[in-house]
Amino acid sequence: QVQVVESGGGLVQPGGSLRLSCAASGSIYRLNKMGWYRQAPGKERELVAEIPYGDIVNYADDVKGRFIISRDNARNTVTLQMNSLKAEDTAVYYCNANVALRLGIAASYWGKGTLVTVSS
């Protein structure tokens, strides 16, 4: 009943920018913590950025100052603005949403991912 869908991935040159969006839909009372993760070939999935309902964000060290995470609670969306992209940012980016189905009941959902390729 809850769907999490990422969009915005693609090919971008080093130093360029890309904006990823994540939309949650279904029977949602409120979005709790939302997070962006990424997984490069041969590597483990890692946290990129996360933002709770209270809007206190947390970034991985290697994206600080380059990426910005934000959310629109009215639209149940979370955005990752990626600037100054590097080749090492190439990965499949996944959105994770912790969703309150009703007050006091929550569950986490993963999107299927969107591929970001940084290459000249």
N, C-alpha and C. Protein backbone atom coordinates (compact mmCIF):
# COMPACT_ATOMS: atom_id res chain seq x y z
N GLN A 1 0.81 -1.22 0.00
CA GLN A 1 0.00 0.00 0.00
C GLN A 1 0.84 1.26 0.00
N VAL A 2 2.12 1.15 0.29
CA VAL A 2 3.03 2.28 0.26
C VAL A 2 4.08 2.04 -0.81
N GLN A 3 4.23 3.01 -1.69
CA GLN A 3 5.22 2.95 -2.75
C GLN A 3 6.24 4.06 -2.58
N VAL A 4 7.50 3.73 -2.82
CA VAL A 4 8.58 4.70 -2.79
C VAL A 4 9.26 4.65 -4.15
N VAL A 5 9.28 5.77 -4.85
CA VAL A 5 9.79 5.81 -6.21
C VAL A 5 10.79 6.93 -6.36
N GLU A 6 12.01 6.59 -6.82
CA GLU A 6 13.04 7.57 -7.09
C GLU A 6 13.00 8.00 -8.56
N SER A 7 13.50 9.19 -8.81
CA SER A 7 13.61 9.67 -10.17
C SER A 7 14.74 10.70 -10.24
N GLY A 8 15.22 10.97 -11.44
CA GLY A 8 16.21 12.01 -11.65
C GLY A 8 17.60 11.53 -11.98
N GLY A 9 17.85 10.23 -11.93
CA GLY A 9 19.17 9.73 -12.25
C GLY A 9 19.49 9.88 -13.72
N GLY A 10 20.77 9.73 -14.03
CA GLY A 10 21.20 9.85 -15.41
C GLY A 10 22.69 10.06 -15.52
N LEU A 11 23.12 10.47 -16.69
CA LEU A 11 24.53 10.72 -16.97
C LEU A 11 24.84 12.20 -16.82
N VAL A 12 25.91 12.50 -16.10
CA VAL A 12 26.31 13.88 -15.87
C VAL A 12 27.83 13.96 -15.90
N GLN A 13 28.35 15.09 -16.35
CA GLN A 13 29.79 15.29 -16.40
C GLN A 13 30.36 15.61 -15.02
N PRO A 14 31.62 15.28 -14.77
CA PRO A 14 32.24 15.69 -13.52
C PRO A 14 32.13 17.20 -13.31
N GLY A 15 31.81 17.59 -12.10
CA GLY A 15 31.60 19.00 -11.79
C GLY A 15 30.18 19.46 -12.01
N GLY A 16 29.38 18.64 -12.63
CA GLY A 16 28.00 18.99 -12.91
C GLY A 16 27.08 18.73 -11.73
N SER A 17 25.80 18.94 -11.97
CA SER A 17 24.79 18.80 -10.93
C SER A 17 23.66 17.91 -11.40
N LEU A 18 23.01 17.32 -10.43
CA LEU A 18 21.87 16.46 -10.70
C LEU A 18 20.95 16.50 -9.50
N ARG A 19 19.67 16.43 -9.75
CA ARG A 19 18.71 16.45 -8.66
C ARG A 19 17.89 15.17 -8.66
N LEU A 20 17.91 14.47 -7.56
CA LEU A 20 17.14 13.26 -7.39
C LEU A 20 15.90 13.54 -6.54
N SER A 21 14.82 12.90 -6.88
CA SER A 21 13.59 13.06 -6.13
C SER A 21 13.07 11.70 -5.69
N CYS A 22 12.42 11.68 -4.57
CA CYS A 22 11.82 10.48 -4.03
C CYS A 22 10.40 10.81 -3.60
N ALA A 23 9.45 10.09 -4.12
CA ALA A 23 8.05 10.31 -3.80
C ALA A 23 7.47 9.07 -3.13
N ALA A 24 6.86 9.29 -2.01
CA ALA A 24 6.16 8.23 -1.30
C ALA A 24 4.66 8.41 -1.48
N SER A 25 3.98 7.32 -1.73
CA SER A 25 2.54 7.40 -1.94
C SER A 25 1.86 6.19 -1.31
N GLY A 26 0.58 6.32 -1.11
CA GLY A 26 -0.20 5.26 -0.50
C GLY A 26 -0.86 5.72 0.78
N SER A 27 -1.07 4.76 1.65
CA SER A 27 -1.72 5.05 2.92
C SER A 27 -0.69 5.58 3.91
N ILE A 28 -0.48 6.88 3.86
CA ILE A 28 0.56 7.53 4.66
C ILE A 28 -0.05 8.57 5.58
N TYR A 29 0.23 8.42 6.85
CA TYR A 29 -0.18 9.42 7.81
C TYR A 29 0.85 10.55 7.86
N ARG A 30 2.13 10.16 7.94
CA ARG A 30 3.22 11.12 7.98
C ARG A 30 4.52 10.42 7.62
N LEU A 31 5.38 11.12 6.92
CA LEU A 31 6.72 10.63 6.68
C LEU A 31 7.61 10.95 7.86
N ASN A 32 8.31 9.94 8.36
CA ASN A 32 9.27 10.16 9.43
C ASN A 32 10.64 10.40 8.80
N LYS A 33 11.65 9.70 9.25
CA LYS A 33 12.98 9.90 8.68
C LYS A 33 13.05 9.39 7.25
N MET A 34 13.65 10.18 6.39
CA MET A 34 13.89 9.81 5.01
C MET A 34 15.39 9.82 4.76
N GLY A 35 15.87 8.88 3.97
CA GLY A 35 17.29 8.81 3.71
C GLY A 35 17.62 8.44 2.29
N TRP A 36 18.74 8.95 1.81
CA TRP A 36 19.30 8.56 0.52
C TRP A 36 20.53 7.71 0.76
N TYR A 37 20.59 6.58 0.08
CA TYR A 37 21.71 5.67 0.14
C TYR A 37 22.23 5.45 -1.27
N ARG A 38 23.45 4.96 -1.37
CA ARG A 38 23.99 4.63 -2.69
C ARG A 38 24.84 3.38 -2.61
N GLN A 39 24.93 2.71 -3.74
CA GLN A 39 25.73 1.50 -3.83
C GLN A 39 26.45 1.49 -5.18
N ALA A 40 27.76 1.54 -5.10
CA ALA A 40 28.60 1.45 -6.29
C ALA A 40 28.94 -0.01 -6.55
N PRO A 41 29.29 -0.34 -7.79
CA PRO A 41 29.65 -1.73 -8.10
C PRO A 41 30.77 -2.24 -7.22
N GLY A 42 30.56 -3.40 -6.63
CA GLY A 42 31.56 -4.01 -5.79
C GLY A 42 31.67 -3.43 -4.39
N LYS A 43 30.79 -2.51 -4.04
CA LYS A 43 30.83 -1.88 -2.73
C LYS A 43 29.51 -2.09 -1.99
N GLU A 44 29.56 -1.88 -0.69
CA GLU A 44 28.37 -1.99 0.13
C GLU A 44 27.52 -0.73 0.01
N ARG A 45 26.24 -0.91 0.25
CA ARG A 45 25.34 0.24 0.26
C ARG A 45 25.68 1.13 1.46
N GLU A 46 25.74 2.43 1.23
CA GLU A 46 26.11 3.36 2.27
C GLU A 46 25.15 4.52 2.34
N LEU A 47 25.07 5.10 3.51
CA LEU A 47 24.22 6.27 3.71
C LEU A 47 24.86 7.49 3.06
N VAL A 48 24.06 8.24 2.33
CA VAL A 48 24.50 9.49 1.74
C VAL A 48 24.02 10.67 2.57
N ALA A 49 22.74 10.70 2.85
CA ALA A 49 22.16 11.78 3.63
C ALA A 49 20.82 11.31 4.19
N GLU A 50 20.44 11.86 5.30
CA GLU A 50 19.15 11.55 5.89
C GLU A 50 18.56 12.79 6.52
N ILE A 51 17.23 12.82 6.56
CA ILE A 51 16.53 13.96 7.12
C ILE A 51 15.29 13.47 7.85
N PRO A 52 15.20 13.75 9.15
CA PRO A 52 14.02 13.35 9.89
C PRO A 52 12.88 14.33 9.70
N TYR A 53 11.77 14.07 10.31
CA TYR A 53 10.64 14.98 10.20
C TYR A 53 10.99 16.36 10.75
N GLY A 54 11.81 16.41 11.77
CA GLY A 54 12.19 17.67 12.38
C GLY A 54 13.19 18.48 11.59
N ASP A 55 13.65 17.97 10.46
CA ASP A 55 14.50 18.71 9.51
C ASP A 55 15.93 18.91 9.99
N ILE A 56 16.42 18.02 10.83
CA ILE A 56 17.83 18.04 11.23
C ILE A 56 18.55 17.02 10.35
N VAL A 57 19.37 17.51 9.45
CA VAL A 57 19.95 16.65 8.44
C VAL A 57 21.28 16.05 8.88
N ASN A 58 21.65 14.96 8.23
CA ASN A 58 22.91 14.30 8.47
C ASN A 58 23.50 13.87 7.13
N TYR A 59 24.76 14.22 6.89
CA TYR A 59 25.42 13.90 5.63
C TYR A 59 26.64 13.04 5.85
N ALA A 60 26.89 12.16 4.89
CA ALA A 60 28.16 11.45 4.89
C ALA A 60 29.29 12.45 4.66
N ASP A 61 30.46 12.15 5.21
CA ASP A 61 31.57 13.09 5.14
C ASP A 61 31.96 13.44 3.70
N ASP A 62 31.92 12.48 2.82
CA ASP A 62 32.40 12.71 1.47
C ASP A 62 31.41 13.47 0.58
N VAL A 63 30.23 13.80 1.10
CA VAL A 63 29.29 14.60 0.32
C VAL A 63 28.97 15.93 0.98
N LYS A 64 29.49 16.16 2.16
CA LYS A 64 29.23 17.42 2.86
C LYS A 64 29.72 18.60 2.03
N GLY A 65 28.88 19.61 1.95
CA GLY A 65 29.22 20.80 1.17
C GLY A 65 28.89 20.69 -0.29
N ARG A 66 28.55 19.49 -0.76
CA ARG A 66 28.22 19.29 -2.17
C ARG A 66 26.77 18.88 -2.38
N PHE A 67 26.24 18.08 -1.47
CA PHE A 67 24.88 17.59 -1.60
C PHE A 67 23.97 18.29 -0.58
N ILE A 68 22.72 18.46 -0.96
CA ILE A 68 21.72 19.04 -0.07
C ILE A 68 20.46 18.18 -0.10
N ILE A 69 20.02 17.76 1.06
CA ILE A 69 18.79 16.99 1.16
C ILE A 69 17.69 17.90 1.71
N SER A 70 16.50 17.76 1.17
CA SER A 70 15.37 18.55 1.62
C SER A 70 14.10 17.73 1.47
N ARG A 71 13.04 18.20 2.09
CA ARG A 71 11.78 17.46 2.03
C ARG A 71 10.60 18.41 1.93
N ASP A 72 9.53 17.90 1.35
CA ASP A 72 8.28 18.62 1.25
C ASP A 72 7.23 17.71 1.86
N ASN A 73 6.87 17.99 3.09
CA ASN A 73 5.96 17.12 3.81
C ASN A 73 4.56 17.10 3.19
N ALA A 74 4.14 18.22 2.63
CA ALA A 74 2.82 18.29 2.02
C ALA A 74 2.72 17.38 0.81
N ARG A 75 3.83 17.21 0.09
CA ARG A 75 3.83 16.38 -1.11
C ARG A 75 4.41 14.99 -0.89
N ASN A 76 4.86 14.71 0.32
CA ASN A 76 5.49 13.43 0.65
C ASN A 76 6.68 13.13 -0.26
N THR A 77 7.51 14.13 -0.45
CA THR A 77 8.68 13.98 -1.31
C THR A 77 9.95 14.39 -0.58
N VAL A 78 11.05 13.81 -1.01
CA VAL A 78 12.38 14.15 -0.52
C VAL A 78 13.29 14.32 -1.72
N THR A 79 14.11 15.34 -1.69
CA THR A 79 14.98 15.67 -2.80
C THR A 79 16.43 15.65 -2.38
N LEU A 80 17.29 15.18 -3.26
CA LEU A 80 18.73 15.23 -3.05
C LEU A 80 19.34 16.04 -4.19
N GLN A 81 19.78 17.25 -3.88
CA GLN A 81 20.45 18.09 -4.85
C GLN A 81 21.94 17.78 -4.79
N MET A 82 22.50 17.31 -5.88
CA MET A 82 23.89 16.91 -5.94
C MET A 82 24.66 17.88 -6.82
N ASN A 83 25.65 18.52 -6.24
CA ASN A 83 26.48 19.48 -6.95
C ASN A 83 27.93 19.04 -6.93
N SER A 84 28.71 19.63 -7.82
CA SER A 84 30.15 19.32 -7.91
C SER A 84 30.39 17.82 -7.94
N LEU A 85 29.68 17.15 -8.79
CA LEU A 85 29.74 15.69 -8.84
C LEU A 85 31.10 15.19 -9.29
N LYS A 86 31.50 14.07 -8.69
CA LYS A 86 32.76 13.43 -8.99
C LYS A 86 32.50 12.04 -9.55
N ALA A 87 33.50 11.49 -10.19
CA ALA A 87 33.36 10.15 -10.75
C ALA A 87 33.03 9.13 -9.66
N GLU A 88 33.58 9.33 -8.48
CA GLU A 88 33.33 8.39 -7.39
C GLU A 88 31.92 8.48 -6.82
N ASP A 89 31.13 9.44 -7.29
CA ASP A 89 29.73 9.51 -6.90
C ASP A 89 28.86 8.55 -7.73
N THR A 90 29.44 7.96 -8.74
CA THR A 90 28.71 7.03 -9.59
C THR A 90 28.20 5.85 -8.77
N ALA A 91 26.91 5.63 -8.81
CA ALA A 91 26.30 4.57 -8.02
C ALA A 91 24.81 4.52 -8.32
N VAL A 92 24.19 3.47 -7.84
CA VAL A 92 22.74 3.43 -7.80
C VAL A 92 22.29 4.06 -6.50
N TYR A 93 21.44 5.04 -6.59
CA TYR A 93 20.97 5.77 -5.42
C TYR A 93 19.58 5.27 -5.03
N TYR A 94 19.44 4.95 -3.75
CA TYR A 94 18.20 4.41 -3.22
C TYR A 94 17.60 5.35 -2.19
N CYS A 95 16.30 5.41 -2.19
CA CYS A 95 15.57 6.18 -1.20
C CYS A 95 14.95 5.23 -0.18
N ASN A 96 15.10 5.57 1.07
CA ASN A 96 14.47 4.82 2.15
C ASN A 96 13.53 5.75 2.91
N ALA A 97 12.32 5.30 3.12
CA ALA A 97 11.32 6.10 3.79
C ALA A 97 10.77 5.36 4.99
N ASN A 98 10.85 5.99 6.14
CA ASN A 98 10.16 5.49 7.31
C ASN A 98 8.82 6.20 7.37
N VAL A 99 7.75 5.42 7.27
CA VAL A 99 6.42 5.96 7.09
C VAL A 99 5.55 5.65 8.29
N ALA A 100 4.92 6.67 8.82
CA ALA A 100 3.90 6.46 9.84
C ALA A 100 2.59 6.14 9.12
N LEU A 101 2.11 4.94 9.31
CA LEU A 101 0.85 4.53 8.71
C LEU A 101 -0.33 5.11 9.47
N ARG A 102 -0.13 5.29 10.72
CA ARG A 102 -1.04 6.00 11.61
C ARG A 102 -0.22 6.37 12.83
N LEU A 103 -0.78 7.16 13.70
CA LEU A 103 -0.03 7.58 14.87
C LEU A 103 0.38 6.37 15.69
N GLY A 104 1.69 6.22 15.88
CA GLY A 104 2.21 5.12 16.67
C GLY A 104 2.54 3.86 15.90
N ILE A 105 2.26 3.82 14.62
CA ILE A 105 2.57 2.66 13.79
C ILE A 105 3.37 3.12 12.59
N ALA A 106 4.57 2.55 12.42
CA ALA A 106 5.45 2.96 11.34
C ALA A 106 6.14 1.76 10.71
N ALA A 107 6.59 1.94 9.48
CA ALA A 107 7.33 0.92 8.76
C ALA A 107 8.27 1.60 7.77
N SER A 108 9.32 0.88 7.38
CA SER A 108 10.29 1.42 6.43
C SER A 108 10.12 0.77 5.07
N TYR A 109 10.35 1.57 4.03
CA TYR A 109 10.21 1.11 2.65
C TYR A 109 11.38 1.60 1.82
N TRP A 110 11.80 0.76 0.88
CA TRP A 110 12.88 1.08 -0.04
C TRP A 110 12.35 1.30 -1.45
N GLY A 111 12.93 2.27 -2.14
CA GLY A 111 12.70 2.38 -3.56
C GLY A 111 13.58 1.40 -4.31
N LYS A 112 13.39 1.29 -5.61
CA LYS A 112 14.16 0.36 -6.41
C LYS A 112 15.47 0.94 -6.93
N GLY A 113 15.68 2.23 -6.73
CA GLY A 113 16.94 2.85 -7.08
C GLY A 113 16.92 3.58 -8.42
N THR A 114 17.82 4.54 -8.54
CA THR A 114 18.02 5.26 -9.79
C THR A 114 19.53 5.41 -10.01
N LEU A 115 19.97 5.15 -11.22
CA LEU A 115 21.41 5.13 -11.52
C LEU A 115 21.92 6.52 -11.84
N VAL A 116 23.01 6.88 -11.17
CA VAL A 116 23.73 8.12 -11.44
C VAL A 116 25.12 7.76 -11.95
N THR A 117 25.44 8.24 -13.13
CA THR A 117 26.74 7.99 -13.73
C THR A 117 27.44 9.32 -13.97
N VAL A 118 28.60 9.49 -13.36
CA VAL A 118 29.38 10.71 -13.51
C VAL A 118 30.59 10.39 -14.37
N SER A 119 30.60 10.92 -15.57
CA SER A 119 31.66 10.58 -16.52
C SER A 119 31.77 11.67 -17.58
N SER A 120 32.99 11.93 -18.02
CA SER A 120 33.21 12.91 -19.06
C SER A 120 33.11 12.26 -20.43
